[in-house]
Amino acid sequence: MFSQFWIRLGRFALLLLAAYVLTAYVAVVTIILRQELDILDAGRAISAFSSAEGSSTVEGQIRNVFGDPVPFGVIIIGDHLVQADSLGFFRVTHLKPGRHTLEVFAGDYARYAREIQVEEGINQPTIKYETGLWPQVFLADFHVYYKEYNEIFGLIGFANGTDRPVFIHKASLLNSQGGVIADILHDLGGFTYFADLSNRLEIVDAPQKALKWGPRMVQGGEFIPVKGHFPPGLYSLEVHYAFQEGHSLGQYQVLTVTDHLDLDSDWPHIP
């Protein structure tokens, strides 16, 4: 009888432990989902998994303001939730025709929301360039190509997603070993080149020379061909940037973007 009491007590304790673990798991999953989607309403996060039957489909590819693919973004249309693949492609099915809000949540990009008209059949809204995803803070774009092994060429751009100006002090081109090939701004005339592209860009000389990049502004450009020996491999753009406080103190954040050197006989190449 004594042993049966302890057996019952042990079983009861195991049941309590299982209930606790299940409750904790549900709570953790709910918190992670809320943080990932930046949705404070838990009821909406749960309803996003439901599927209302319809005859329309929305599909496409998520790209940013430079036209580059954005992988693994979360797409919400009404009560439908899907995740894009590694190249940004997504497909939302069983939608009812009519007006819908298309939302995208992706990494360091700002929340994307846009009204779309969904018709019967397949719908393919464009999500890139002026309708693409904006960075929450600062984003650099970089693509490098060669026409012959003794010369490289590339496209670069910057996007300021904030309401404050950004100061870009350096933009260095690095080889696969991390060595500096050239500073695009200081060595290749990048200050003047970019300042001539828009009246919202300004060259400042004090306390350090920098490009003053306007708020909520995106601009792409190119750097002139650089001669030398450039074997295929990974090359990087290292950007030193800061807001007003950091620029005044000479303290810059470093952003590095890497691209594989590819052959392009018909350059310039637009992604």
Protein backbone atom coordinates (compact mmCIF):
# COMPACT_ATOMS: atom_id res chain seq x y z
CA MET A 1 0.00 0.00 0.00
CA PHE A 2 2.83 2.36 0.87
CA SER A 3 4.58 1.67 -2.42
CA GLN A 4 1.35 2.23 -4.41
CA PHE A 5 1.01 5.67 -2.82
CA TRP A 6 4.45 6.69 -4.01
CA ILE A 7 3.76 5.26 -7.48
CA ARG A 8 0.58 7.36 -7.75
CA LEU A 9 2.45 10.40 -6.46
CA GLY A 10 5.21 9.86 -9.02
CA ARG A 11 2.70 9.59 -11.85
CA PHE A 12 0.99 12.77 -10.73
CA ALA A 13 4.34 14.59 -10.60
CA LEU A 14 5.15 13.40 -14.12
CA LEU A 15 1.79 14.70 -15.37
CA LEU A 16 2.45 18.09 -13.76
CA LEU A 17 5.93 18.23 -15.33
CA ALA A 18 4.55 17.36 -18.80
CA ALA A 19 1.87 20.05 -18.48
CA TYR A 20 4.50 22.60 -17.44
CA VAL A 21 6.79 21.72 -20.37
CA LEU A 22 3.88 21.95 -22.85
CA THR A 23 2.78 25.31 -21.46
CA ALA A 24 6.34 26.68 -21.60
CA TYR A 25 6.78 25.46 -25.19
CA VAL A 26 3.57 27.16 -26.36
CA ALA A 27 4.60 30.39 -24.62
CA VAL A 28 8.08 30.39 -26.19
CA VAL A 29 6.74 29.69 -29.70
CA THR A 30 4.18 32.50 -29.34
CA ILE A 31 6.86 34.98 -28.21
CA ILE A 32 9.20 34.03 -31.08
CA LEU A 33 6.41 34.38 -33.65
CA ARG A 34 5.46 37.80 -32.30
CA GLN A 35 9.05 39.03 -32.42
CA GLU A 36 9.72 37.67 -35.91
CA LEU A 37 6.64 39.28 -37.43
CA ASP A 38 6.69 42.38 -35.23
CA ILE A 39 3.02 41.76 -34.48
CA LEU A 40 1.82 42.64 -30.99
CA ASP A 41 -1.64 41.12 -31.41
CA ALA A 42 -1.29 37.44 -30.56
CA GLY A 43 -4.72 36.69 -31.98
CA ARG A 44 -3.62 37.88 -35.40
CA ALA A 45 -0.42 35.83 -35.29
CA ILE A 46 -2.46 32.69 -34.69
CA SER A 47 -5.11 33.48 -37.32
CA ALA A 48 -2.36 33.99 -39.90
CA PHE A 49 -2.12 30.20 -40.17
CA SER A 50 -5.75 29.79 -41.19
CA SER A 51 -6.67 29.45 -44.84
CA ALA A 52 -9.83 30.88 -46.35
CA GLU A 53 -10.73 29.18 -49.60
CA GLY A 54 -10.52 31.30 -52.76
CA SER A 55 -9.65 31.07 -56.42
CA SER A 56 -6.75 33.52 -56.66
CA THR A 57 -2.98 33.24 -56.21
CA VAL A 58 -0.35 35.88 -55.50
CA GLU A 59 3.22 34.96 -56.34
CA GLY A 60 6.49 36.75 -56.97
CA GLN A 61 9.93 37.53 -55.65
CA ILE A 62 10.86 39.83 -52.78
CA ARG A 63 13.58 42.31 -53.72
CA ASN A 64 14.95 45.44 -52.08
CA VAL A 65 15.25 49.00 -53.41
CA PHE A 66 18.37 47.97 -55.38
CA GLY A 67 16.56 45.07 -57.03
CA ASP A 68 18.50 42.42 -55.08
CA PRO A 69 16.62 39.33 -53.82
CA VAL A 70 15.69 39.25 -50.13
CA PRO A 71 15.66 35.65 -48.80
CA PHE A 72 13.31 34.05 -46.27
CA GLY A 73 10.95 36.97 -45.80
CA VAL A 74 7.55 36.36 -44.20
CA ILE A 75 4.59 37.35 -46.38
CA ILE A 76 1.13 38.01 -44.96
CA ILE A 77 -1.97 38.57 -47.08
CA GLY A 78 -5.15 38.67 -45.03
CA ASP A 79 -5.25 35.44 -43.01
CA HIS A 80 -2.57 33.74 -45.10
CA LEU A 81 1.07 33.49 -44.05
CA VAL A 82 3.96 32.02 -46.06
CA GLN A 83 7.75 32.28 -46.04
CA ALA A 84 9.83 33.05 -49.12
CA ASP A 85 12.64 30.73 -50.17
CA SER A 86 16.38 31.43 -50.29
CA LEU A 87 15.95 33.51 -53.47
CA GLY A 88 12.96 35.47 -52.23
CA PHE A 89 10.31 33.59 -54.24
CA PHE A 90 6.91 33.09 -52.62
CA ARG A 91 3.41 31.86 -53.50
CA VAL A 92 0.15 32.52 -51.63
CA THR A 93 -2.84 30.44 -52.77
CA HIS A 94 -6.57 30.20 -52.05
CA LEU A 95 -7.11 33.96 -51.91
CA LYS A 96 -10.45 35.62 -52.56
CA PRO A 97 -10.44 38.24 -55.34
CA GLY A 98 -10.55 41.84 -54.15
CA ARG A 99 -8.45 44.42 -52.34
CA HIS A 100 -5.84 43.01 -49.96
CA THR A 101 -2.94 44.32 -47.89
CA LEU A 102 0.36 42.62 -48.74
CA GLU A 103 2.83 42.73 -45.85
CA VAL A 104 6.45 41.59 -45.77
CA PHE A 105 8.70 41.17 -42.73
CA ALA A 106 12.35 40.43 -43.46
CA GLY A 107 15.46 40.72 -41.30
CA ASP A 108 16.95 44.21 -41.17
CA TYR A 109 14.37 45.66 -43.55
CA ALA A 110 11.53 47.92 -42.50
CA ARG A 111 8.01 46.49 -42.39
CA TYR A 112 6.55 46.51 -45.90
CA ALA A 113 2.83 47.11 -46.42
CA ARG A 114 1.05 47.73 -49.70
CA GLU A 115 -2.52 47.58 -50.98
CA ILE A 116 -2.95 45.28 -53.99
CA GLN A 117 -5.91 44.33 -56.17
CA VAL A 118 -6.15 40.55 -56.43
CA GLU A 119 -7.86 39.26 -59.56
CA GLU A 120 -9.01 35.77 -60.50
CA GLY A 121 -6.08 33.48 -61.33
CA ILE A 122 -2.39 34.32 -60.93
CA ASN A 123 -1.31 37.75 -59.66
CA GLN A 124 2.35 38.85 -59.73
CA PRO A 125 2.91 42.18 -57.95
CA THR A 126 6.34 43.75 -58.47
CA ILE A 127 8.39 44.10 -55.28
CA LYS A 128 11.67 45.77 -56.23
CA TYR A 129 13.28 49.16 -56.86
CA GLU A 130 10.76 51.91 -55.99
CA THR A 131 8.32 49.25 -54.72
CA GLY A 132 11.03 47.20 -53.01
CA LEU A 133 11.99 46.76 -49.38
CA TRP A 134 13.74 49.62 -47.58
CA PRO A 135 16.44 49.05 -44.95
CA GLN A 136 15.60 49.98 -41.40
CA VAL A 137 18.87 51.93 -41.16
CA PHE A 138 21.56 51.84 -43.89
CA LEU A 139 22.19 49.49 -46.79
CA ALA A 140 25.01 49.21 -49.32
CA ASP A 141 24.76 47.51 -52.69
CA PHE A 142 27.75 45.95 -54.47
CA HIS A 143 28.26 43.95 -57.66
CA VAL A 144 31.66 43.35 -59.24
CA TYR A 145 32.50 41.97 -62.70
CA TYR A 146 35.44 41.48 -65.02
CA LYS A 147 35.61 41.72 -68.78
CA GLU A 148 39.21 40.59 -68.89
CA TYR A 149 41.42 39.38 -66.06
CA ASN A 150 43.37 42.65 -66.02
CA GLU A 151 40.36 44.89 -65.38
CA ILE A 152 37.35 44.95 -63.06
CA PHE A 153 34.21 47.08 -63.01
CA GLY A 154 31.35 47.33 -60.56
CA LEU A 155 28.07 48.79 -59.42
CA ILE A 156 27.61 50.28 -55.97
CA GLY A 157 24.80 52.09 -54.23
CA PHE A 158 23.63 53.25 -50.85
CA ALA A 159 20.18 53.50 -49.24
CA ASN A 160 19.42 55.49 -46.10
CA GLY A 161 16.17 54.27 -44.60
CA THR A 162 16.16 56.71 -41.66
CA ASP A 163 14.95 60.28 -41.24
CA ARG A 164 18.50 61.52 -40.50
CA PRO A 165 21.40 62.17 -42.88
CA VAL A 166 24.17 59.56 -43.07
CA PHE A 167 27.83 60.47 -43.60
CA ILE A 168 29.81 58.05 -45.78
CA HIS A 169 33.53 58.47 -45.15
CA LYS A 170 35.07 55.53 -47.04
CA ALA A 171 34.03 52.85 -49.51
CA SER A 172 36.97 50.53 -50.04
CA LEU A 173 37.15 47.75 -52.60
CA LEU A 174 38.82 44.65 -51.12
CA ASN A 175 40.23 41.54 -52.79
CA SER A 176 39.61 37.98 -51.60
CA GLN A 177 42.52 38.24 -49.12
CA GLY A 178 41.10 41.41 -47.55
CA GLY A 179 43.65 43.71 -49.16
CA VAL A 180 42.54 47.17 -50.27
CA ILE A 181 42.41 47.57 -54.06
CA ALA A 182 41.16 51.15 -53.97
CA ASP A 183 38.95 53.54 -52.02
CA ILE A 184 36.13 54.28 -54.44
CA LEU A 185 35.41 57.67 -52.89
CA HIS A 186 38.93 58.98 -52.27
CA ASP A 187 40.91 57.24 -55.03
CA LEU A 188 38.42 56.82 -57.87
CA GLY A 189 36.60 60.16 -57.80
CA GLY A 190 33.54 58.77 -56.06
CA PHE A 191 32.82 61.93 -54.04
CA THR A 192 32.30 64.08 -57.11
CA TYR A 193 30.64 61.29 -59.08
CA PHE A 194 27.89 60.67 -56.52
CA ALA A 195 27.41 64.35 -55.67
CA ASP A 196 26.69 65.01 -59.35
CA LEU A 197 23.95 62.35 -59.39
CA SER A 198 21.56 64.16 -57.03
CA ASN A 199 21.12 67.56 -55.43
CA ARG A 200 20.29 65.73 -52.21
CA LEU A 201 23.92 64.58 -51.94
CA GLU A 202 26.57 66.87 -50.51
CA ILE A 203 30.33 66.66 -50.00
CA VAL A 204 31.44 67.83 -46.56
CA ASP A 205 35.12 68.43 -45.73
CA ALA A 206 35.03 68.85 -41.95
CA PRO A 207 35.78 67.32 -39.58
CA GLN A 208 36.42 64.49 -42.09
CA LYS A 209 35.66 64.38 -45.78
CA ALA A 210 32.43 62.47 -46.38
CA LEU A 211 29.35 62.19 -48.53
CA LYS A 212 26.31 63.54 -46.72
CA TRP A 213 23.53 61.17 -47.75
CA GLY A 214 20.00 62.51 -47.40
CA PRO A 215 17.27 60.89 -45.29
CA ARG A 216 15.09 58.25 -46.95
CA MET A 217 17.25 58.29 -50.05
CA VAL A 218 18.54 55.57 -52.38
CA GLN A 219 21.02 56.05 -55.20
CA GLY A 220 22.99 53.58 -57.26
CA GLY A 221 26.06 54.20 -59.36
CA GLU A 222 29.23 52.61 -60.65
CA PHE A 223 32.96 52.82 -60.16
CA ILE A 224 35.36 53.26 -63.04
CA PRO A 225 37.29 50.22 -64.32
CA VAL A 226 40.33 49.32 -62.23
CA LYS A 227 43.31 47.74 -63.96
CA GLY A 228 45.37 44.95 -62.38
CA HIS A 229 45.39 41.21 -61.90
CA PHE A 230 42.04 40.05 -60.47
CA PRO A 231 41.52 36.28 -60.26
CA PRO A 232 37.95 34.99 -59.79
CA GLY A 233 36.81 34.83 -56.18
CA LEU A 234 35.06 36.82 -53.49
CA TYR A 235 35.52 40.60 -53.43
CA SER A 236 34.10 43.01 -50.88
CA LEU A 237 32.99 46.60 -50.44
CA GLU A 238 33.85 47.97 -46.99
CA VAL A 239 31.82 51.08 -46.14
CA HIS A 240 32.57 53.41 -43.21
CA TYR A 241 29.48 55.44 -42.30
CA ALA A 242 27.99 57.31 -39.35
CA PHE A 243 25.22 59.65 -38.33
CA GLN A 244 26.01 63.22 -37.30
CA GLU A 245 27.26 62.36 -33.81
CA GLY A 246 29.69 59.69 -34.99
CA HIS A 247 30.87 61.75 -37.94
CA SER A 248 31.70 64.69 -35.67
CA LEU A 249 33.83 62.38 -33.50
CA GLY A 250 35.38 60.47 -36.39
CA GLN A 251 33.73 57.26 -35.19
CA TYR A 252 32.27 55.25 -38.04
CA GLN A 253 30.39 51.99 -38.30
CA VAL A 254 31.69 49.46 -40.82
CA LEU A 255 29.41 47.63 -43.24
CA THR A 256 30.89 44.93 -45.51
CA VAL A 257 29.13 43.58 -48.60
CA THR A 258 30.64 40.63 -50.50
CA ASP A 259 30.12 39.54 -54.11
CA HIS A 260 31.68 36.93 -56.37
CA LEU A 261 33.72 38.28 -59.28
CA ASP A 262 31.89 37.14 -62.41
CA LEU A 263 32.48 37.46 -66.12
CA ASP A 264 30.22 39.98 -67.85
CA SER A 265 31.16 40.75 -71.42
CA ASP A 266 28.22 43.15 -71.83
CA TRP A 267 28.81 45.43 -68.88
CA PRO A 268 27.54 47.51 -67.22
CA HIS A 269 25.34 44.81 -65.79
CA ILE A 270 22.03 45.73 -64.16
CA PRO A 271 20.65 43.06 -61.75
